[in-house]
Amino acid sequence: MKAKEPVKLRFKKLSNANLSIYLDIYYKEKRYYEFLKLYLTPERFPEDRDKNRITLRLANSIKAQRIIDLQNEIYGVRMINGLGKKTLLEFLSELSTDKSAHGDKAYSLRLRSLVNHLRDYMPQCLLKGHRYRFRERFHRSLA
């Protein structure tokens, strides 16, 4: 009997005969879809077959990483790879709470101050979406 996986690789047929690859994630009694922006093309030439094989390998590695992320969350392992899904404010707030709980009150207060400034500047900034000039723009906004 095959074990149930929380993440499944699925395909959607497009009008141009390509297949779009997406992840079907079922977690905590909710279903989520993550479109990977990866596509399989009809195999007309040997190069197409090689390209599709590489694309499928990449899609399967992304699927494996999502399964690891979910299992880490279930068993309480601190997620390093999942940081990109949180906003910067969520991450800093959690870090502040963690530091406060472990007795580093001064550091926690500095983090809370940073969170308050960032809330005015960029409330929805994701961690993985940082750009090179973020620090300079944020510094200018404080002045």
C-alpha atoms as a PDB file:
ATOM      1  CA  MET A   1       0.000   0.000   0.000  1.00  0.00           C
ATOM      2  CA  LYS A   2       1.333   3.425  -0.963  1.00  0.00           C
ATOM      3  CA  ALA A   3       1.781   5.976   1.824  1.00  0.00           C
ATOM      4  CA  LYS A   4      -0.140   9.213   1.522  1.00  0.00           C
ATOM      5  CA  GLU A   5       2.007  12.208   0.794  1.00  0.00           C
ATOM      6  CA  PRO A   6       1.001  15.726   1.838  1.00  0.00           C
ATOM      7  CA  VAL A   7       2.479  17.093  -1.401  1.00  0.00           C
ATOM      8  CA  LYS A   8       1.673  15.727  -4.851  1.00  0.00           C
ATOM      9  CA  LEU A   9       3.032  16.727  -8.226  1.00  0.00           C
ATOM     10  CA  ARG A  10       0.231  17.511 -10.667  1.00  0.00           C
ATOM     11  CA  PHE A  11      -0.001  18.696 -14.258  1.00  0.00           C
ATOM     12  CA  LYS A  12      -2.361  21.080 -16.001  1.00  0.00           C
ATOM     13  CA  LYS A  13      -2.712  20.947 -19.773  1.00  0.00           C
ATOM     14  CA  LEU A  14      -2.328  24.344 -21.408  1.00  0.00           C
ATOM     15  CA  SER A  15      -3.839  25.575 -24.660  1.00  0.00           C
ATOM     16  CA  ASN A  16      -0.439  25.433 -26.406  1.00  0.00           C
ATOM     17  CA  ALA A  17      -0.139  21.665 -25.624  1.00  0.00           C
ATOM     18  CA  ASN A  18       2.431  22.237 -22.860  1.00  0.00           C
ATOM     19  CA  LEU A  19       1.879  20.879 -19.366  1.00  0.00           C
ATOM     20  CA  SER A  20       2.184  23.226 -16.416  1.00  0.00           C
ATOM     21  CA  ILE A  21       3.581  21.574 -13.279  1.00  0.00           C
ATOM     22  CA  TYR A  22       2.133  22.455  -9.890  1.00  0.00           C
ATOM     23  CA  LEU A  23       2.143  21.129  -6.351  1.00  0.00           C
ATOM     24  CA  ASP A  24      -1.074  19.994  -4.698  1.00  0.00           C
ATOM     25  CA  ILE A  25      -0.482  20.432  -0.949  1.00  0.00           C
ATOM     26  CA  TYR A  26      -2.911  19.057   1.629  1.00  0.00           C
ATOM     27  CA  TYR A  27      -1.946  20.219   5.103  1.00  0.00           C
ATOM     28  CA  LYS A  28      -3.962  20.766   8.293  1.00  0.00           C
ATOM     29  CA  GLU A  29      -7.177  19.836   6.488  1.00  0.00           C
ATOM     30  CA  LYS A  30      -6.679  22.545   3.849  1.00  0.00           C
ATOM     31  CA  ARG A  31      -5.648  22.278   0.235  1.00  0.00           C
ATOM     32  CA  TYR A  32      -3.107  24.650  -1.292  1.00  0.00           C
ATOM     33  CA  TYR A  33      -1.772  24.871  -4.820  1.00  0.00           C
ATOM     34  CA  GLU A  34       1.680  26.118  -5.704  1.00  0.00           C
ATOM     35  CA  PHE A  35       2.308  26.702  -9.385  1.00  0.00           C
ATOM     36  CA  LEU A  36       5.998  26.209 -10.064  1.00  0.00           C
ATOM     37  CA  LYS A  37       6.232  28.043 -13.399  1.00  0.00           C
ATOM     38  CA  LEU A  38       7.790  24.902 -14.851  1.00  0.00           C
ATOM     39  CA  TYR A  39       6.482  23.449 -18.093  1.00  0.00           C
ATOM     40  CA  LEU A  40       6.769  20.182 -19.982  1.00  0.00           C
ATOM     41  CA  THR A  41       6.729  20.470 -23.754  1.00  0.00           C
ATOM     42  CA  PRO A  42       5.520  17.860 -26.248  1.00  0.00           C
ATOM     43  CA  GLU A  43       8.414  15.513 -27.013  1.00  0.00           C
ATOM     44  CA  ARG A  44       8.987  15.987 -30.721  1.00  0.00           C
ATOM     45  CA  PHE A  45      12.775  15.810 -30.584  1.00  0.00           C
ATOM     46  CA  PRO A  46      15.311  14.096 -28.304  1.00  0.00           C
ATOM     47  CA  GLU A  47      16.263  17.521 -26.893  1.00  0.00           C
ATOM     48  CA  ASP A  48      12.673  17.970 -25.708  1.00  0.00           C
ATOM     49  CA  ARG A  49      12.836  14.660 -23.853  1.00  0.00           C
ATOM     50  CA  ASP A  50      16.063  15.709 -22.113  1.00  0.00           C
ATOM     51  CA  LYS A  51      14.642  19.110 -21.215  1.00  0.00           C
ATOM     52  CA  ASN A  52      11.481  17.509 -19.811  1.00  0.00           C
ATOM     53  CA  ARG A  53      13.534  15.041 -17.783  1.00  0.00           C
ATOM     54  CA  ILE A  54      15.523  17.892 -16.210  1.00  0.00           C
ATOM     55  CA  THR A  55      12.346  19.873 -15.543  1.00  0.00           C
ATOM     56  CA  LEU A  56      10.705  16.876 -13.843  1.00  0.00           C
ATOM     57  CA  ARG A  57      13.807  16.306 -11.739  1.00  0.00           C
ATOM     58  CA  LEU A  58      13.670  19.946 -10.597  1.00  0.00           C
ATOM     59  CA  ALA A  59       9.935  19.705  -9.843  1.00  0.00           C
ATOM     60  CA  ASN A  60      10.495  16.555  -7.773  1.00  0.00           C
ATOM     61  CA  SER A  61      13.269  18.205  -5.782  1.00  0.00           C
ATOM     62  CA  ILE A  62      10.968  21.179  -5.037  1.00  0.00           C
ATOM     63  CA  LYS A  63       8.273  18.694  -3.973  1.00  0.00           C
ATOM     64  CA  ALA A  64      10.729  16.935  -1.650  1.00  0.00           C
ATOM     65  CA  GLN A  65      11.729  20.255  -0.103  1.00  0.00           C
ATOM     66  CA  ARG A  66       8.074  21.164   0.547  1.00  0.00           C
ATOM     67  CA  ILE A  67       7.535  17.791   2.254  1.00  0.00           C
ATOM     68  CA  ILE A  68      10.586  18.411   4.451  1.00  0.00           C
ATOM     69  CA  ASP A  69       9.312  21.911   5.300  1.00  0.00           C
ATOM     70  CA  LEU A  70       5.914  20.528   6.320  1.00  0.00           C
ATOM     71  CA  GLN A  71       7.418  17.748   8.416  1.00  0.00           C
ATOM     72  CA  ASN A  72       9.759  20.200  10.130  1.00  0.00           C
ATOM     73  CA  GLU A  73       6.772  22.343  11.016  1.00  0.00           C
ATOM     74  CA  ILE A  74       4.795  19.339  12.301  1.00  0.00           C
ATOM     75  CA  TYR A  75       7.598  18.101  14.551  1.00  0.00           C
ATOM     76  CA  GLY A  76       8.654  21.533  15.796  1.00  0.00           C
ATOM     77  CA  VAL A  77      11.961  21.788  13.994  1.00  0.00           C
ATOM     78  CA  ARG A  78      12.822  25.397  13.333  1.00  0.00           C
ATOM     79  CA  MET A  79      12.326  26.001   9.622  1.00  0.00           C
ATOM     80  CA  ILE A  80      15.248  27.554   7.838  1.00  0.00           C
ATOM     81  CA  ASN A  81      13.978  27.003   4.280  1.00  0.00           C
ATOM     82  CA  GLY A  82      10.486  28.173   5.185  1.00  0.00           C
ATOM     83  CA  LEU A  83      11.678  31.660   6.038  1.00  0.00           C
ATOM     84  CA  GLY A  84      10.906  32.884   2.548  1.00  0.00           C
ATOM     85  CA  LYS A  85       7.195  32.328   3.147  1.00  0.00           C
ATOM     86  CA  LYS A  86       7.069  34.650   6.148  1.00  0.00           C
ATOM     87  CA  THR A  87       7.021  38.391   6.065  1.00  0.00           C
ATOM     88  CA  LEU A  88       9.955  40.193   7.537  1.00  0.00           C
ATOM     89  CA  LEU A  89       7.692  41.556  10.279  1.00  0.00           C
ATOM     90  CA  GLU A  90       6.504  38.067  11.260  1.00  0.00           C
ATOM     91  CA  PHE A  91      10.054  36.775  11.424  1.00  0.00           C
ATOM     92  CA  LEU A  92      11.353  39.703  13.491  1.00  0.00           C
ATOM     93  CA  SER A  93       8.362  39.559  15.852  1.00  0.00           C
ATOM     94  CA  GLU A  94       8.931  35.846  16.458  1.00  0.00           C
ATOM     95  CA  LEU A  95      12.636  36.445  16.973  1.00  0.00           C
ATOM     96  CA  SER A  96      11.878  39.243  19.455  1.00  0.00           C
ATOM     97  CA  THR A  97       9.515  36.984  21.412  1.00  0.00           C
ATOM     98  CA  ASP A  98      12.105  34.199  21.381  1.00  0.00           C
ATOM     99  CA  LYS A  99      14.882  36.493  22.624  1.00  0.00           C
ATOM    100  CA  SER A 100      12.606  37.907  25.328  1.00  0.00           C
ATOM    101  CA  ALA A 101      11.699  34.407  26.517  1.00  0.00           C
ATOM    102  CA  HIS A 102      15.383  33.498  26.764  1.00  0.00           C
ATOM    103  CA  GLY A 103      16.278  36.545  28.873  1.00  0.00           C
ATOM    104  CA  ASP A 104      17.766  38.905  26.275  1.00  0.00           C
ATOM    105  CA  LYS A 105      15.393  41.818  26.952  1.00  0.00           C
ATOM    106  CA  ALA A 106      17.561  44.591  25.446  1.00  0.00           C
ATOM    107  CA  TYR A 107      17.908  42.768  22.131  1.00  0.00           C
ATOM    108  CA  SER A 108      14.196  42.029  22.159  1.00  0.00           C
ATOM    109  CA  LEU A 109      13.371  45.731  22.638  1.00  0.00           C
ATOM    110  CA  ARG A 110      15.654  46.726  19.749  1.00  0.00           C
ATOM    111  CA  LEU A 111      13.929  44.177  17.523  1.00  0.00           C
ATOM    112  CA  ARG A 112      10.485  45.483  18.497  1.00  0.00           C
ATOM    113  CA  SER A 113      11.605  49.016  17.663  1.00  0.00           C
ATOM    114  CA  LEU A 114      12.804  47.795  14.269  1.00  0.00           C
ATOM    115  CA  VAL A 115       9.468  46.029  13.706  1.00  0.00           C
ATOM    116  CA  ASN A 116       7.589  49.277  14.421  1.00  0.00           C
ATOM    117  CA  HIS A 117       9.701  51.206  11.899  1.00  0.00           C
ATOM    118  CA  LEU A 118       9.410  48.479   9.277  1.00  0.00           C
ATOM    119  CA  ARG A 119       5.644  48.270   9.737  1.00  0.00           C
ATOM    120  CA  ASP A 120       5.429  51.874   8.492  1.00  0.00           C
ATOM    121  CA  TYR A 121       7.904  51.334   5.663  1.00  0.00           C
ATOM    122  CA  MET A 122       7.160  47.893   4.139  1.00  0.00           C
ATOM    123  CA  PRO A 123       4.492  45.871   5.949  1.00  0.00           C
ATOM    124  CA  GLN A 124       4.327  42.967   3.448  1.00  0.00           C
ATOM    125  CA  CYS A 125       7.997  42.431   2.614  1.00  0.00           C
ATOM    126  CA  LEU A 126       8.766  38.705   2.290  1.00  0.00           C
ATOM    127  CA  LEU A 127      12.132  37.477   3.505  1.00  0.00           C
ATOM    128  CA  LYS A 128      13.092  35.843   0.239  1.00  0.00           C
ATOM    129  CA  GLY A 129      12.125  38.917  -1.765  1.00  0.00           C
ATOM    130  CA  HIS A 130      14.835  41.244  -0.481  1.00  0.00           C
ATOM    131  CA  ARG A 131      16.601  43.344  -3.014  1.00  0.00           C
ATOM    132  CA  TYR A 132      20.113  44.723  -2.879  1.00  0.00           C
ATOM    133  CA  ARG A 133      19.111  48.330  -2.139  1.00  0.00           C
ATOM    134  CA  PHE A 134      16.566  47.537   0.589  1.00  0.00           C
ATOM    135  CA  ARG A 135      18.857  48.748   3.385  1.00  0.00           C
ATOM    136  CA  GLU A 136      19.565  52.079   1.714  1.00  0.00           C
ATOM    137  CA  ARG A 137      15.900  52.788   0.961  1.00  0.00           C
ATOM    138  CA  PHE A 138      14.863  51.844   4.501  1.00  0.00           C
ATOM    139  CA  HIS A 139      17.608  54.040   5.977  1.00  0.00           C
ATOM    140  CA  ARG A 140      16.417  57.003   3.876  1.00  0.00           C
ATOM    141  CA  SER A 141      12.833  56.464   5.059  1.00  0.00           C
ATOM    142  CA  LEU A 142      13.935  56.876   8.685  1.00  0.00           C
ATOM    143  CA  ALA A 143      15.533  60.257   8.043  1.00  0.00           C
END
